[in-house]
């Protein structure tokens, strides 16, 4: 799976490449297993909404995983 991650407000906040989630600067932040988001330490921290296609949207509760740094 690969594609973009958007927060609940529609702001581009991350990128999925395979089972890894990166911030917009390319730093690996999380592992992705299905729709579950895990810290690199293995702790479950959130979920992606089950959307088809390459663009994924975060649940509002998971917005905190990707602090918005201005508009994109």
PDB file of N, CA and C in Angstrom:
ATOM      1  N   UNK A   1       0.843  -1.168   0.000  1.00  0.00           N
ATOM      2  CA  UNK A   1       0.000   0.000   0.000  1.00  0.00           C
ATOM      3  C   UNK A   1       0.890   1.232   0.000  1.00  0.00           C
ATOM      4  N   UNK A   2       0.516   2.212  -0.766  1.00  0.00           N
ATOM      5  CA  UNK A   2       1.216   3.484  -0.735  1.00  0.00           C
ATOM      6  C   UNK A   2       0.203   4.586  -1.000  1.00  0.00           C
ATOM      7  N   UNK A   3       0.519   5.772  -0.521  1.00  0.00           N
ATOM      8  CA  UNK A   3      -0.377   6.896  -0.731  1.00  0.00           C
ATOM      9  C   UNK A   3      -0.168   7.987   0.290  1.00  0.00           C
ATOM     10  N   UNK A   4      -1.094   8.901   0.326  1.00  0.00           N
ATOM     11  CA  UNK A   4      -1.023  10.065   1.198  1.00  0.00           C
ATOM     12  C   UNK A   4      -1.977   9.917   2.371  1.00  0.00           C
ATOM     13  N   UNK A   5      -1.622  10.561   3.486  1.00  0.00           N
ATOM     14  CA  UNK A   5      -2.478  10.581   4.668  1.00  0.00           C
ATOM     15  C   UNK A   5      -2.901  12.026   4.910  1.00  0.00           C
ATOM     16  N   UNK A   6      -4.202  12.201   5.126  1.00  0.00           N
ATOM     17  CA  UNK A   6      -4.772  13.519   5.397  1.00  0.00           C
ATOM     18  C   UNK A   6      -5.420  13.494   6.774  1.00  0.00           C
ATOM     19  N   UNK A   7      -5.314  14.607   7.501  1.00  0.00           N
ATOM     20  CA  UNK A   7      -5.982  14.662   8.798  1.00  0.00           C
ATOM     21  C   UNK A   7      -7.475  14.892   8.585  1.00  0.00           C
ATOM     22  N   UNK A   8      -8.231  14.986   9.674  1.00  0.00           N
ATOM     23  CA  UNK A   8      -9.689  15.113   9.557  1.00  0.00           C
ATOM     24  C   UNK A   8     -10.115  16.440   8.938  1.00  0.00           C
ATOM     25  N   UNK A   9      -9.193  17.407   8.858  1.00  0.00           N
ATOM     26  CA  UNK A   9      -9.492  18.692   8.218  1.00  0.00           C
ATOM     27  C   UNK A   9      -9.084  18.721   6.753  1.00  0.00           C
ATOM     28  N   UNK A  10      -8.500  17.616   6.256  1.00  0.00           N
ATOM     29  CA  UNK A  10      -8.101  17.553   4.859  1.00  0.00           C
ATOM     30  C   UNK A  10      -6.687  18.023   4.580  1.00  0.00           C
ATOM     31  N   UNK A  11      -5.889  18.283   5.611  1.00  0.00           N
ATOM     32  CA  UNK A  11      -4.504  18.718   5.432  1.00  0.00           C
ATOM     33  C   UNK A  11      -3.597  17.510   5.240  1.00  0.00           C
ATOM     34  N   UNK A  12      -2.748  17.552   4.228  1.00  0.00           N
ATOM     35  CA  UNK A  12      -1.794  16.468   3.954  1.00  0.00           C
ATOM     36  C   UNK A  12      -0.768  16.436   5.094  1.00  0.00           C
ATOM     37  N   UNK A  13      -0.682  15.295   5.790  1.00  0.00           N
ATOM     38  CA  UNK A  13       0.187  15.218   6.969  1.00  0.00           C
ATOM     39  C   UNK A  13       1.195  14.079   6.926  1.00  0.00           C
ATOM     40  N   UNK A  14       1.048  13.126   6.008  1.00  0.00           N
ATOM     41  CA  UNK A  14       1.966  11.998   5.990  1.00  0.00           C
ATOM     42  C   UNK A  14       1.864  11.200   4.714  1.00  0.00           C
ATOM     43  N   UNK A  15       2.750  10.194   4.630  1.00  0.00           N
ATOM     44  CA  UNK A  15       2.823   9.341   3.452  1.00  0.00           C
ATOM     45  C   UNK A  15       2.940   7.893   3.907  1.00  0.00           C
ATOM     46  N   UNK A  16       2.198   7.005   3.249  1.00  0.00           N
ATOM     47  CA  UNK A  16       2.298   5.571   3.496  1.00  0.00           C
ATOM     48  C   UNK A  16       3.126   4.971   2.377  1.00  0.00           C
ATOM     49  N   UNK A  17       4.109   4.156   2.741  1.00  0.00           N
ATOM     50  CA  UNK A  17       4.902   3.416   1.765  1.00  0.00           C
ATOM     51  C   UNK A  17       5.043   2.001   2.288  1.00  0.00           C
ATOM     52  N   UNK A  18       4.288   1.079   1.721  1.00  0.00           N
ATOM     53  CA  UNK A  18       4.261  -0.287   2.222  1.00  0.00           C
ATOM     54  C   UNK A  18       3.622  -0.313   3.594  1.00  0.00           C
ATOM     55  N   UNK A  19       4.340  -0.860   4.565  1.00  0.00           N
ATOM     56  CA  UNK A  19       3.828  -0.937   5.937  1.00  0.00           C
ATOM     57  C   UNK A  19       4.423   0.147   6.824  1.00  0.00           C
ATOM     58  N   UNK A  20       5.021   1.187   6.226  1.00  0.00           N
ATOM     59  CA  UNK A  20       5.631   2.274   6.994  1.00  0.00           C
ATOM     60  C   UNK A  20       4.887   3.579   6.731  1.00  0.00           C
ATOM     61  N   UNK A  21       4.814   4.406   7.773  1.00  0.00           N
ATOM     62  CA  UNK A  21       4.205   5.733   7.652  1.00  0.00           C
ATOM     63  C   UNK A  21       5.292   6.762   7.947  1.00  0.00           C
ATOM     64  N   UNK A  22       5.416   7.729   7.052  1.00  0.00           N
ATOM     65  CA  UNK A  22       6.441   8.761   7.137  1.00  0.00           C
ATOM     66  C   UNK A  22       5.790  10.128   7.280  1.00  0.00           C
ATOM     67  N   UNK A  23       6.513  11.070   7.931  1.00  0.00           N
ATOM     68  CA  UNK A  23       6.038  12.447   7.939  1.00  0.00           C
ATOM     69  C   UNK A  23       6.388  13.066   6.585  1.00  0.00           C
ATOM     70  N   UNK A  24       6.050  14.321   6.383  1.00  0.00           N
ATOM     71  CA  UNK A  24       6.267  14.958   5.084  1.00  0.00           C
ATOM     72  C   UNK A  24       7.731  15.223   4.793  1.00  0.00           C
ATOM     73  N   UNK A  25       8.582  15.121   5.815  1.00  0.00           N
ATOM     74  CA  UNK A  25      10.026  15.297   5.614  1.00  0.00           C
ATOM     75  C   UNK A  25      10.723  13.974   5.325  1.00  0.00           C
ATOM     76  N   UNK A  26       9.979  12.855   5.356  1.00  0.00           N
ATOM     77  CA  UNK A  26      10.543  11.554   5.051  1.00  0.00           C
ATOM     78  C   UNK A  26      11.004  10.754   6.249  1.00  0.00           C
ATOM     79  N   UNK A  27      10.738  11.232   7.454  1.00  0.00           N
ATOM     80  CA  UNK A  27      11.126  10.509   8.666  1.00  0.00           C
ATOM     81  C   UNK A  27      10.085   9.440   8.983  1.00  0.00           C
ATOM     82  N   UNK A  28      10.560   8.193   9.188  1.00  0.00           N
ATOM     83  CA  UNK A  28       9.647   7.097   9.514  1.00  0.00           C
ATOM     84  C   UNK A  28       9.107   7.311  10.924  1.00  0.00           C
ATOM     85  N   UNK A  29       7.765   7.316  11.037  1.00  0.00           N
ATOM     86  CA  UNK A  29       7.119   7.570  12.322  1.00  0.00           C
ATOM     87  C   UNK A  29       6.408   6.355  12.890  1.00  0.00           C
ATOM     88  N   UNK A  30       5.734   5.582  12.028  1.00  0.00           N
ATOM     89  CA  UNK A  30       4.841   4.521  12.484  1.00  0.00           C
ATOM     90  C   UNK A  30       4.888   3.319  11.554  1.00  0.00           C
ATOM     91  N   UNK A  31       4.416   2.183  12.070  1.00  0.00           N
ATOM     92  CA  UNK A  31       4.163   0.977  11.273  1.00  0.00           C
ATOM     93  C   UNK A  31       2.661   0.920  11.015  1.00  0.00           C
ATOM     94  N   UNK A  32       2.280   0.367   9.887  1.00  0.00           N
ATOM     95  CA  UNK A  32       0.871   0.195   9.539  1.00  0.00           C
ATOM     96  C   UNK A  32       0.608  -1.283   9.317  1.00  0.00           C
ATOM     97  N   UNK A  33      -0.370  -1.809  10.052  1.00  0.00           N
ATOM     98  CA  UNK A  33      -0.817  -3.196   9.866  1.00  0.00           C
ATOM     99  C   UNK A  33      -2.320  -3.140   9.652  1.00  0.00           C
ATOM    100  N   UNK A  34      -2.747  -3.363   8.412  1.00  0.00           N
ATOM    101  CA  UNK A  34      -4.166  -3.191   8.087  1.00  0.00           C
ATOM    102  C   UNK A  34      -4.507  -1.715   8.205  1.00  0.00           C
ATOM    103  N   UNK A  35      -5.484  -1.391   9.065  1.00  0.00           N
ATOM    104  CA  UNK A  35      -5.819   0.018   9.310  1.00  0.00           C
ATOM    105  C   UNK A  35      -5.260   0.499  10.647  1.00  0.00           C
ATOM    106  N   UNK A  36      -4.533  -0.369  11.346  1.00  0.00           N
ATOM    107  CA  UNK A  36      -3.986  -0.018  12.662  1.00  0.00           C
ATOM    108  C   UNK A  36      -2.631   0.657  12.529  1.00  0.00           C
ATOM    109  N   UNK A  37      -2.435   1.747  13.279  1.00  0.00           N
ATOM    110  CA  UNK A  37      -1.178   2.497  13.299  1.00  0.00           C
ATOM    111  C   UNK A  37      -0.460   2.182  14.605  1.00  0.00           C
ATOM    112  N   UNK A  38       0.810   1.754  14.485  1.00  0.00           N
ATOM    113  CA  UNK A  38       1.620   1.399  15.647  1.00  0.00           C
ATOM    114  C   UNK A  38       2.865   2.271  15.707  1.00  0.00           C
ATOM    115  N   UNK A  39       3.262   2.669  16.930  1.00  0.00           N
ATOM    116  CA  UNK A  39       4.559   3.315  17.115  1.00  0.00           C
ATOM    117  C   UNK A  39       5.634   2.319  16.699  1.00  0.00           C
ATOM    118  N   UNK A  40       6.839   2.797  16.472  1.00  0.00           N
ATOM    119  CA  UNK A  40       7.942   1.906  16.117  1.00  0.00           C
ATOM    120  C   UNK A  40       8.242   0.926  17.241  1.00  0.00           C
ATOM    121  N   UNK A  41       7.841   1.273  18.476  1.00  0.00           N
ATOM    122  CA  UNK A  41       8.026   0.387  19.626  1.00  0.00           C
ATOM    123  C   UNK A  41       6.986  -0.734  19.672  1.00  0.00           C
ATOM    124  N   UNK A  42       5.941  -0.652  18.824  1.00  0.00           N
ATOM    125  CA  UNK A  42       4.917  -1.687  18.775  1.00  0.00           C
ATOM    126  C   UNK A  42       3.608  -1.323  19.452  1.00  0.00           C
ATOM    127  N   UNK A  43       3.522  -0.142  20.047  1.00  0.00           N
ATOM    128  CA  UNK A  43       2.306   0.296  20.748  1.00  0.00           C
ATOM    129  C   UNK A  43       1.247   0.770  19.744  1.00  0.00           C
ATOM    130  N   UNK A  44       0.032   0.245  19.850  1.00  0.00           N
ATOM    131  CA  UNK A  44      -1.082   0.679  19.006  1.00  0.00           C
ATOM    132  C   UNK A  44      -1.463   2.104  19.391  1.00  0.00           C
ATOM    133  N   UNK A  45      -1.499   3.016  18.406  1.00  0.00           N
ATOM    134  CA  UNK A  45      -1.785   4.414  18.719  1.00  0.00           C
ATOM    135  C   UNK A  45      -2.942   5.009  17.933  1.00  0.00           C
ATOM    136  N   UNK A  46      -3.445   4.323  16.903  1.00  0.00           N
ATOM    137  CA  UNK A  46      -4.549   4.894  16.148  1.00  0.00           C
ATOM    138  C   UNK A  46      -4.964   4.018  14.983  1.00  0.00           C
ATOM    139  N   UNK A  47      -5.877   4.565  14.180  1.00  0.00           N
ATOM    140  CA  UNK A  47      -6.445   3.843  13.040  1.00  0.00           C
ATOM    141  C   UNK A  47      -6.620   4.800  11.877  1.00  0.00           C
ATOM    142  N   UNK A  48      -6.508   4.266  10.671  1.00  0.00           N
ATOM    143  CA  UNK A  48      -6.894   5.000   9.474  1.00  0.00           C
ATOM    144  C   UNK A  48      -8.339   4.648   9.159  1.00  0.00           C
ATOM    145  N   UNK A  49      -9.067   5.580   8.618  1.00  0.00           N
ATOM    146  CA  UNK A  49     -10.409   5.253   8.146  1.00  0.00           C
ATOM    147  C   UNK A  49     -10.267   4.290   6.976  1.00  0.00           C
ATOM    148  N   UNK A  50     -11.143   3.325   6.907  1.00  0.00           N
ATOM    149  CA  UNK A  50     -11.091   2.337   5.834  1.00  0.00           C
ATOM    150  C   UNK A  50     -11.580   2.917   4.534  1.00  0.00           C
ATOM    151  N   UNK A  51     -10.689   3.559   3.788  1.00  0.00           N
ATOM    152  CA  UNK A  51     -11.051   4.139   2.500  1.00  0.00           C
ATOM    153  C   UNK A  51     -10.283   3.438   1.402  1.00  0.00           C
ATOM    154  N   UNK A  52     -10.931   3.208   0.279  1.00  0.00           N
ATOM    155  CA  UNK A  52     -10.240   2.593  -0.843  1.00  0.00           C
ATOM    156  C   UNK A  52      -9.461   3.655  -1.580  1.00  0.00           C
ATOM    157  N   UNK A  53      -8.434   3.248  -2.298  1.00  0.00           N
ATOM    158  CA  UNK A  53      -7.605   4.178  -3.041  1.00  0.00           C
ATOM    159  C   UNK A  53      -6.338   4.508  -2.273  1.00  0.00           C
ATOM    160  N   UNK A  54      -5.528   5.379  -2.832  1.00  0.00           N
ATOM    161  CA  UNK A  54      -4.235   5.669  -2.244  1.00  0.00           C
ATOM    162  C   UNK A  54      -4.297   6.742  -1.159  1.00  0.00           C
ATOM    163  N   UNK A  55      -5.322   7.570  -1.137  1.00  0.00           N
ATOM    164  CA  UNK A  55      -5.432   8.619  -0.123  1.00  0.00           C
ATOM    165  C   UNK A  55      -6.200   8.098   1.083  1.00  0.00           C
ATOM    166  N   UNK A  56      -5.613   8.282   2.258  1.00  0.00           N
ATOM    167  CA  UNK A  56      -6.206   7.820   3.509  1.00  0.00           C
ATOM    168  C   UNK A  56      -6.484   9.012   4.398  1.00  0.00           C
ATOM    169  N   UNK A  57      -7.538   8.923   5.171  1.00  0.00           N
ATOM    170  CA  UNK A  57      -7.904   9.995   6.088  1.00  0.00           C
ATOM    171  C   UNK A  57      -7.842   9.461   7.508  1.00  0.00           C
ATOM    172  N   UNK A  58      -7.287  10.284   8.410  1.00  0.00           N
ATOM    173  CA  UNK A  58      -7.202   9.913   9.820  1.00  0.00           C
ATOM    174  C   UNK A  58      -8.542  10.098  10.509  1.00  0.00           C
ATOM    175  N   UNK A  59      -8.828   9.242  11.481  1.00  0.00           N
ATOM    176  CA  UNK A  59      -9.927   9.515  12.400  1.00  0.00           C
ATOM    177  C   UNK A  59      -9.567  10.789  13.150  1.00  0.00           C
ATOM    178  N   UNK A  60     -10.566  11.547  13.566  1.00  0.00           N
ATOM    179  CA  UNK A  60     -10.312  12.785  14.308  1.00  0.00           C
ATOM    180  C   UNK A  60      -9.453  12.513  15.547  1.00  0.00           C
ATOM    181  N   UNK A  61      -9.660  11.372  16.196  1.00  0.00           N
ATOM    182  CA  UNK A  61      -8.892  11.039  17.394  1.00  0.00           C
ATOM    183  C   UNK A  61      -7.413  10.771  17.078  1.00  0.00           C
ATOM    184  N   UNK A  62      -7.096  10.458  15.823  1.00  0.00           N
ATOM    185  CA  UNK A  62      -5.707  10.175  15.439  1.00  0.00           C
ATOM    186  C   UNK A  62      -4.994  11.406  14.876  1.00  0.00           C
ATOM    187  N   UNK A  63      -5.682  12.547  14.761  1.00  0.00           N
ATOM    188  CA  UNK A  63      -5.051  13.768  14.266  1.00  0.00           C
ATOM    189  C   UNK A  63      -3.813  14.135  15.080  1.00  0.00           C
ATOM    190  N   UNK A  64      -3.827  13.810  16.366  1.00  0.00           N
ATOM    191  CA  UNK A  64      -2.707  14.169  17.251  1.00  0.00           C
ATOM    192  C   UNK A  64      -1.408  13.481  16.850  1.00  0.00           C
ATOM    193  N   UNK A  65      -1.495  12.407  16.059  1.00  0.00           N
ATOM    194  CA  UNK A  65      -0.302  11.684  15.631  1.00  0.00           C
ATOM    195  C   UNK A  65       0.529  12.486  14.628  1.00  0.00           C
ATOM    196  N   UNK A  66      -0.103  13.427  13.952  1.00  0.00           N
ATOM    197  CA  UNK A  66       0.555  14.238  12.935  1.00  0.00           C
ATOM    198  C   UNK A  66       0.206  15.703  13.156  1.00  0.00           C
ATOM    199  N   UNK A  67       0.931  16.380  14.033  1.00  0.00           N
ATOM    200  CA  UNK A  67       0.621  17.795  14.286  1.00  0.00           C
ATOM    201  C   UNK A  67       0.740  18.608  12.997  1.00  0.00           C
ATOM    202  N   UNK A  68      -0.280  19.369  12.665  1.00  0.00           N
ATOM    203  CA  UNK A  68      -0.266  20.208  11.471  1.00  0.00           C
ATOM    204  C   UNK A  68       0.724  21.345  11.674  1.00  0.00           C
ATOM    205  N   UNK A  69       1.530  21.605  10.659  1.00  0.00           N
ATOM    206  CA  UNK A  69       2.536  22.662  10.736  1.00  0.00           C
ATOM    207  C   UNK A  69       2.206  23.723   9.699  1.00  0.00           C
ATOM    208  N   UNK A  70       1.016  24.234   9.727  1.00  0.00           N
ATOM    209  CA  UNK A  70       0.605  25.208   8.725  1.00  0.00           C
ATOM    210  C   UNK A  70      -0.127  24.525   7.594  1.00  0.00           C
ATOM    211  N   UNK A  71      -0.564  25.279   6.645  1.00  0.00           N
ATOM    212  CA  UNK A  71      -1.337  24.705   5.549  1.00  0.00           C
ATOM    213  C   UNK A  71      -0.410  24.197   4.466  1.00  0.00           C
ATOM    214  N   UNK A  72      -0.946  23.245   3.689  1.00  0.00           N
ATOM    215  CA  UNK A  72      -0.136  22.656   2.615  1.00  0.00           C
ATOM    216  C   UNK A  72      -0.656  23.044   1.256  1.00  0.00           C
TER     217      UNK A  72
END
